[in-house]
Amino acid sequence: MIEILSVGALTTIQDRGRQGCLRWGVGTAGAMDGVALAAGNLLLGNDEDSAAVEVQVFPFKVRFDGDCAFALTGADCDARLDGLPLLPWCAHRARAGQTLHLGTPKPGTRRTSRAYLCLPGGVDVPQVLHSRSTQLRGAFGGLQGRALQRGDTLRPATPDATIAATGLGLMPPELALPLVQDGCAAVRVLPAAEYDCYTPQSRAAFWQQEWKITPQSDRYGYRLAGEALQPVAPLEMRSHGIVPGVIQVPPDGQPIVQMRDAQPTGGYPKFGAVIEADLWRLGQAPIGSRIRFVKTSWDEALDAIGHVRAWLDDAARQVALHRNTKGAA
């Protein structure tokens, strides 16, 4: 069991999300960086979908009340166990009474903003609609449907006696699968239904400029700032279904990218959609940073999913090889 000693706002329990519930008006929720979540779980021998703690405001501090393996992925946040530095993207082991501290992600290193603390078997909280993810707007899932607070206690779902991957590290996907355009972090986008309703100048500007992620951004949506997108004629639309990754354009012309806690319907025009394979990149982009959009095709989007899957499969092989080697020793 671990006890939360200090925590910033909006630290929650998340798995890969609540799939198949949009038809009931229930959003997906889930980890903003599903690749980091899956990798942390692989390091511990968990199912990739096991629930973990998503930390997005630092510092974060927990105490282990018993011996326990754990894995840290996502942001490189100067993690320390009883003051001793820990490598990111690695599995580790804590003794009863030890304290884990996650500091502010280091400036000048990989520009990422969320860390994942994975426990053996995942965090043990009840499933709601087949997921343990926290849905803050609906106040369900996770721990009592809310962000974590000081004094909360969490349990790993399974004992860690068989875990043998401690000491193994993975190359972060930002390094293994880089995507940068003109020195700026980038994500790939498919044009959406109302793309052609915008002027040629606006369509060109969307791809050519850098967009700033404003402080009004959160798990519900990233609000961007740049050259406003102008429609050919005024657009009025009825509300319609949307999913994470959809880029909508409100009347002010400043795009909003729907993120993991997005509501399932919206009435703004759909300019594009960040491909599924790149949602983790956007989920790790810090507030105030800048991103670029790269136009892509359906076939390229499918290939990109394959590349992410290949990276995870390779990580699983490394963990299995490490476990077998240690077992033989």
Protein backbone atom coordinates (compact mmCIF):
# COMPACT_ATOMS: atom_id res chain seq x y z
CA MET A 1 0.00 0.00 0.00
CA ILE A 2 1.16 3.56 -0.67
CA GLU A 3 0.05 6.75 1.06
CA ILE A 4 -0.13 10.10 -0.72
CA LEU A 5 1.96 12.59 1.26
CA SER A 6 1.74 15.57 -1.10
CA VAL A 7 0.03 16.00 -4.43
CA GLY A 8 -0.69 18.72 -6.96
CA ALA A 9 -4.02 19.33 -8.63
CA LEU A 10 -5.56 16.83 -11.04
CA THR A 11 -3.44 13.80 -10.23
CA THR A 12 -5.76 10.90 -11.02
CA ILE A 13 -5.97 7.15 -11.51
CA GLN A 14 -6.17 6.24 -15.21
CA ASP A 15 -6.05 3.18 -17.41
CA ARG A 16 -6.36 3.15 -21.22
CA GLY A 17 -9.88 4.54 -21.05
CA ARG A 18 -13.55 3.67 -21.08
CA GLN A 19 -14.09 2.21 -24.53
CA GLY A 20 -17.46 1.66 -26.18
CA CYS A 21 -19.43 4.05 -23.98
CA LEU A 22 -19.76 7.08 -26.26
CA ARG A 23 -23.15 5.83 -27.43
CA TRP A 24 -24.37 6.33 -23.87
CA GLY A 25 -22.96 9.84 -23.64
CA VAL A 26 -19.98 8.75 -21.52
CA GLY A 27 -16.54 10.03 -22.50
CA THR A 28 -13.47 7.81 -22.70
CA ALA A 29 -11.21 9.40 -20.04
CA GLY A 30 -7.98 7.39 -19.71
CA ALA A 31 -4.28 8.20 -19.71
CA MET A 32 -3.19 11.27 -21.66
CA ASP A 33 -0.09 9.27 -22.64
CA GLY A 34 -1.29 5.74 -23.27
CA VAL A 35 2.14 4.65 -24.51
CA ALA A 36 3.84 5.60 -21.23
CA LEU A 37 1.10 3.85 -19.28
CA ALA A 38 1.44 0.66 -21.32
CA ALA A 39 5.24 0.71 -21.03
CA GLY A 40 5.15 1.10 -17.25
CA ASN A 41 2.78 -1.81 -16.98
CA LEU A 42 4.97 -3.97 -19.22
CA LEU A 43 7.95 -3.31 -16.96
CA LEU A 44 6.00 -4.84 -14.07
CA GLY A 45 4.49 -7.74 -15.98
CA ASN A 46 1.02 -6.14 -15.83
CA ASP A 47 -1.60 -6.05 -18.53
CA GLU A 48 -0.94 -2.96 -20.64
CA ASP A 49 -4.36 -1.60 -19.63
CA SER A 50 -3.79 -1.76 -15.87
CA ALA A 51 -4.60 1.40 -13.94
CA ALA A 52 -1.80 3.70 -12.75
CA VAL A 53 -1.37 7.09 -11.14
CA GLU A 54 -1.13 9.92 -13.68
CA VAL A 55 0.78 12.87 -12.21
CA GLN A 56 0.47 16.16 -14.08
CA VAL A 57 1.22 18.75 -11.39
CA PHE A 58 4.43 18.46 -9.38
CA PRO A 59 5.84 17.85 -6.82
CA PHE A 60 4.27 14.52 -5.91
CA LYS A 61 5.24 12.46 -2.89
CA VAL A 62 4.18 9.02 -1.63
CA ARG A 63 5.29 6.64 1.12
CA PHE A 64 5.41 2.87 0.67
CA ASP A 65 3.88 1.06 3.66
CA GLY A 66 5.26 -2.29 2.48
CA ASP A 67 7.91 -3.66 0.14
CA CYS A 68 6.72 -2.98 -3.40
CA ALA A 69 7.99 -2.86 -6.97
CA PHE A 70 6.98 0.11 -9.07
CA ALA A 71 7.70 1.62 -12.46
CA LEU A 72 8.06 5.23 -13.57
CA THR A 73 7.45 6.37 -17.13
CA GLY A 74 6.46 9.57 -18.88
CA ALA A 75 8.09 12.82 -17.80
CA ASP A 76 11.65 12.81 -16.48
CA CYS A 77 10.78 14.46 -13.18
CA ASP A 78 13.89 14.08 -11.03
CA ALA A 79 12.45 11.07 -9.20
CA ARG A 80 14.07 10.17 -5.88
CA LEU A 81 13.57 7.32 -3.43
CA ASP A 82 14.58 8.44 0.06
CA GLY A 83 16.63 11.15 -1.66
CA LEU A 84 18.49 8.81 -4.01
CA PRO A 85 17.96 9.54 -7.74
CA LEU A 86 16.05 7.05 -9.87
CA LEU A 87 16.30 6.51 -13.60
CA PRO A 88 13.16 7.30 -15.61
CA TRP A 89 11.45 4.66 -17.75
CA CYS A 90 12.62 1.96 -15.35
CA ALA A 91 11.24 -0.51 -12.83
CA HIS A 92 12.38 -0.12 -9.22
CA ARG A 93 11.75 -1.66 -5.81
CA ALA A 94 10.90 0.18 -2.59
CA ARG A 95 11.19 -1.03 0.98
CA ALA A 96 8.53 -0.45 3.60
CA GLY A 97 8.75 3.11 4.91
CA GLN A 98 10.60 4.55 1.93
CA THR A 99 9.39 7.77 0.31
CA LEU A 100 9.18 8.46 -3.42
CA HIS A 101 9.40 12.08 -4.55
CA LEU A 102 8.68 13.30 -8.08
CA GLY A 103 9.93 16.81 -8.75
CA THR A 104 9.26 19.23 -11.58
CA PRO A 105 10.22 17.83 -15.02
CA LYS A 106 13.71 19.01 -15.87
CA PRO A 107 13.94 22.02 -18.21
CA GLY A 108 16.06 21.54 -21.30
CA THR A 109 15.43 17.79 -21.43
CA ARG A 110 12.59 16.01 -23.22
CA ARG A 111 9.62 18.39 -23.13
CA THR A 112 7.11 16.18 -21.41
CA SER A 113 4.63 17.02 -18.69
CA ARG A 114 3.01 13.90 -17.20
CA ALA A 115 4.51 11.04 -15.21
CA TYR A 116 3.04 7.59 -14.56
CA LEU A 117 3.50 5.61 -11.36
CA CYS A 118 2.64 1.97 -12.04
CA LEU A 119 2.15 -0.67 -9.33
CA PRO A 120 2.12 -4.49 -9.49
CA GLY A 121 -1.13 -5.60 -11.10
CA GLY A 122 -2.24 -1.99 -11.38
CA VAL A 123 -3.92 0.29 -8.84
CA ASP A 124 -6.70 -1.61 -7.08
CA VAL A 125 -9.86 0.45 -7.48
CA PRO A 126 -13.30 -0.73 -8.67
CA GLN A 127 -14.17 -0.89 -12.35
CA VAL A 128 -16.95 1.36 -13.59
CA LEU A 129 -18.23 0.61 -17.09
CA HIS A 130 -15.28 -1.75 -17.64
CA SER A 131 -12.62 0.84 -16.76
CA ARG A 132 -10.84 2.14 -13.66
CA SER A 133 -10.18 5.55 -15.22
CA THR A 134 -11.23 8.64 -13.31
CA GLN A 135 -13.96 10.62 -15.06
CA LEU A 136 -13.79 13.95 -13.26
CA ARG A 137 -16.80 15.58 -14.93
CA GLY A 138 -19.02 12.61 -14.10
CA ALA A 139 -17.40 12.06 -10.68
CA PHE A 140 -16.97 8.30 -11.11
CA GLY A 141 -14.16 5.82 -11.63
CA GLY A 142 -10.70 6.00 -10.08
CA LEU A 143 -10.79 6.79 -6.37
CA GLN A 144 -14.30 8.06 -5.62
CA GLY A 145 -14.43 9.81 -9.00
CA ARG A 146 -12.04 12.57 -7.92
CA ALA A 147 -8.43 13.70 -8.07
CA LEU A 148 -6.09 12.23 -5.48
CA GLN A 149 -5.59 14.07 -2.20
CA ARG A 150 -3.09 14.07 0.61
CA GLY A 151 -3.78 11.15 2.94
CA ASP A 152 -5.28 8.88 0.27
CA THR A 153 -4.01 5.30 0.28
CA LEU A 154 -3.72 3.05 -2.77
CA ARG A 155 -3.11 -0.67 -3.06
CA PRO A 156 -1.43 -2.68 -5.84
CA ALA A 157 -3.82 -5.24 -7.30
CA THR A 158 -1.41 -8.20 -7.03
CA PRO A 159 1.66 -9.20 -5.00
CA ASP A 160 4.98 -8.40 -6.64
CA ALA A 161 6.87 -11.55 -5.66
CA THR A 162 7.22 -12.75 -9.27
CA ILE A 163 8.36 -9.44 -10.71
CA ALA A 164 11.93 -9.63 -11.93
CA ALA A 165 12.25 -6.61 -14.24
CA THR A 166 13.59 -4.17 -11.67
CA GLY A 167 16.74 -2.53 -12.99
CA LEU A 168 15.53 -2.72 -16.60
CA GLY A 169 15.02 0.54 -18.49
CA LEU A 170 13.38 1.40 -21.80
CA MET A 171 14.24 4.02 -24.39
CA PRO A 172 11.47 6.65 -24.22
CA PRO A 173 9.27 6.68 -27.33
CA GLU A 174 10.05 10.39 -27.85
CA LEU A 175 13.59 9.23 -28.68
CA ALA A 176 12.70 5.96 -30.39
CA LEU A 177 9.86 7.47 -32.46
CA PRO A 178 10.81 11.15 -32.90
CA LEU A 179 8.51 13.52 -34.77
CA VAL A 180 9.80 17.07 -35.14
CA GLN A 181 9.17 19.66 -37.85
CA ASP A 182 11.40 22.72 -38.19
CA GLY A 183 12.70 22.16 -34.67
CA CYS A 184 9.21 22.06 -33.13
CA ALA A 185 7.33 19.10 -31.69
CA ALA A 186 4.73 17.86 -34.16
CA VAL A 187 1.68 15.62 -34.44
CA ARG A 188 0.05 14.20 -37.56
CA VAL A 189 -3.47 15.27 -38.51
CA LEU A 190 -6.15 14.03 -40.89
CA PRO A 191 -8.39 16.71 -42.45
CA ALA A 192 -11.95 16.37 -41.15
CA ALA A 193 -15.48 17.02 -42.42
CA GLU A 194 -15.46 20.83 -42.43
CA TYR A 195 -11.84 21.27 -43.54
CA ASP A 196 -12.86 22.55 -46.99
CA CYS A 197 -15.22 25.10 -45.41
CA TYR A 198 -12.20 27.24 -44.48
CA THR A 199 -10.35 29.62 -46.76
CA PRO A 200 -7.28 28.39 -48.65
CA GLN A 201 -5.19 30.89 -46.69
CA SER A 202 -6.41 29.47 -43.37
CA ARG A 203 -5.87 25.91 -44.48
CA ALA A 204 -2.30 26.76 -45.47
CA ALA A 205 -1.66 28.66 -42.23
CA PHE A 206 -2.85 25.71 -40.16
CA TRP A 207 -0.02 23.53 -41.49
CA GLN A 208 2.66 26.23 -41.78
CA GLN A 209 2.57 27.92 -38.38
CA GLU A 210 3.43 26.92 -34.84
CA TRP A 211 0.51 26.79 -32.41
CA LYS A 212 0.88 27.69 -28.74
CA ILE A 213 -0.84 25.52 -26.12
CA THR A 214 -2.55 28.10 -23.91
CA PRO A 215 -3.06 28.02 -20.11
CA GLN A 216 -6.76 27.35 -20.76
CA SER A 217 -5.83 23.78 -21.75
CA ASP A 218 -6.53 20.68 -19.66
CA ARG A 219 -7.56 17.04 -19.91
CA TYR A 220 -10.80 18.11 -21.61
CA GLY A 221 -9.20 20.01 -24.44
CA TYR A 222 -6.11 21.89 -25.59
CA ARG A 223 -6.92 25.45 -26.60
CA LEU A 224 -4.42 26.76 -29.12
CA ALA A 225 -3.32 30.26 -30.09
CA GLY A 226 -2.12 31.29 -33.53
CA GLU A 227 -3.37 32.89 -36.72
CA ALA A 228 -7.15 32.55 -36.56
CA LEU A 229 -8.80 30.15 -39.00
CA GLN A 230 -11.42 31.85 -41.17
CA PRO A 231 -14.37 30.02 -42.76
CA VAL A 232 -15.40 30.74 -46.33
CA ALA A 233 -18.88 31.57 -45.00
CA PRO A 234 -20.42 31.58 -41.50
CA LEU A 235 -20.92 28.04 -40.19
CA GLU A 236 -23.82 26.94 -38.02
CA MET A 237 -23.99 23.27 -37.03
CA ARG A 238 -26.02 21.01 -34.82
CA SER A 239 -24.22 19.13 -32.06
CA HIS A 240 -22.69 15.90 -33.29
CA GLY A 241 -20.44 13.13 -32.01
CA ILE A 242 -16.76 13.83 -31.36
CA VAL A 243 -13.85 11.79 -30.01
CA PRO A 244 -10.43 12.58 -28.50
CA GLY A 245 -8.13 14.06 -31.11
CA VAL A 246 -10.82 15.97 -33.03
CA ILE A 247 -9.80 19.57 -33.77
CA GLN A 248 -12.75 21.93 -33.55
CA VAL A 249 -12.83 25.61 -34.46
CA PRO A 250 -15.02 27.97 -32.39
CA PRO A 251 -16.13 31.36 -33.76
CA ASP A 252 -12.89 33.09 -32.68
CA GLY A 253 -10.92 30.86 -35.09
CA GLN A 254 -8.57 29.49 -32.40
CA PRO A 255 -8.61 25.66 -32.56
CA ILE A 256 -9.46 23.34 -29.68
CA VAL A 257 -8.08 19.80 -29.71
CA GLN A 258 -10.36 17.43 -27.81
CA MET A 259 -8.40 15.41 -25.26
CA ARG A 260 -9.09 12.35 -23.11
CA ASP A 261 -11.85 13.86 -20.94
CA ALA A 262 -13.64 15.41 -23.92
CA GLN A 263 -17.42 15.37 -23.91
CA PRO A 264 -18.90 13.00 -26.50
CA THR A 265 -20.74 15.69 -28.49
CA GLY A 266 -19.97 19.19 -29.75
CA GLY A 267 -21.27 21.74 -32.21
CA TYR A 268 -18.15 23.47 -33.51
CA PRO A 269 -16.88 22.66 -37.03
CA LYS A 270 -14.35 19.82 -37.26
CA PHE A 271 -11.20 21.01 -39.03
CA GLY A 272 -9.08 17.91 -38.50
CA ALA A 273 -8.23 15.05 -36.17
CA VAL A 274 -4.92 14.19 -34.51
CA ILE A 275 -4.26 10.57 -35.42
CA GLU A 276 -4.58 7.98 -32.68
CA ALA A 277 -0.89 7.08 -32.89
CA ASP A 278 0.12 10.65 -31.95
CA LEU A 279 -2.33 11.47 -29.16
CA TRP A 280 0.33 10.52 -26.60
CA ARG A 281 2.68 13.13 -28.07
CA LEU A 282 0.08 15.83 -27.64
CA GLY A 283 -0.82 14.55 -24.17
CA GLN A 284 2.79 15.13 -23.07
CA ALA A 285 3.11 18.62 -24.57
CA PRO A 286 3.48 21.14 -21.71
CA ILE A 287 1.25 24.16 -21.30
CA GLY A 288 2.91 27.12 -22.99
CA SER A 289 4.86 24.98 -25.45
CA ARG A 290 4.37 25.09 -29.21
CA ILE A 291 3.41 22.37 -31.63
CA ARG A 292 3.07 21.96 -35.38
CA PHE A 293 0.60 19.91 -37.36
CA VAL A 294 1.68 17.59 -40.18
CA LYS A 295 -0.88 16.65 -42.81
CA THR A 296 -1.14 12.90 -43.21
CA SER A 297 -3.20 10.24 -44.98
CA TRP A 298 -5.34 7.37 -43.74
CA ASP A 299 -2.73 4.80 -44.80
CA GLU A 300 0.04 6.76 -43.06
CA ALA A 301 -2.09 6.95 -39.91
CA LEU A 302 -2.47 3.16 -39.90
CA ASP A 303 1.27 2.72 -40.44
CA ALA A 304 1.93 5.04 -37.49
CA ILE A 305 -0.20 2.86 -35.21
CA GLY A 306 1.87 -0.09 -36.37
CA HIS A 307 5.09 1.68 -35.42
CA VAL A 308 3.83 2.39 -31.90
CA ARG A 309 2.66 -1.20 -31.55
CA ALA A 310 6.07 -2.44 -32.72
CA TRP A 311 7.80 -0.29 -30.08
CA LEU A 312 5.58 -1.74 -27.34
CA ASP A 313 6.10 -5.29 -28.62
CA ASP A 314 9.86 -4.75 -28.54
CA ALA A 315 9.58 -3.43 -24.98
CA ALA A 316 7.64 -6.55 -24.00
CA ARG A 317 10.38 -8.75 -25.51
CA GLN A 318 13.07 -6.88 -23.59
CA VAL A 319 11.17 -7.33 -20.33
CA ALA A 320 10.63 -11.05 -20.99
CA LEU A 321 14.32 -11.55 -21.88
CA HIS A 322 15.42 -9.66 -18.75
CA ARG A 323 13.06 -11.69 -16.56
CA ASN A 324 14.23 -14.99 -18.05
CA THR A 325 17.89 -14.01 -17.70
CA LYS A 326 17.46 -13.09 -14.04
CA GLY A 327 15.48 -16.26 -13.44
CA ALA A 328 18.24 -18.38 -14.94
CA ALA A 329 20.82 -16.61 -12.80
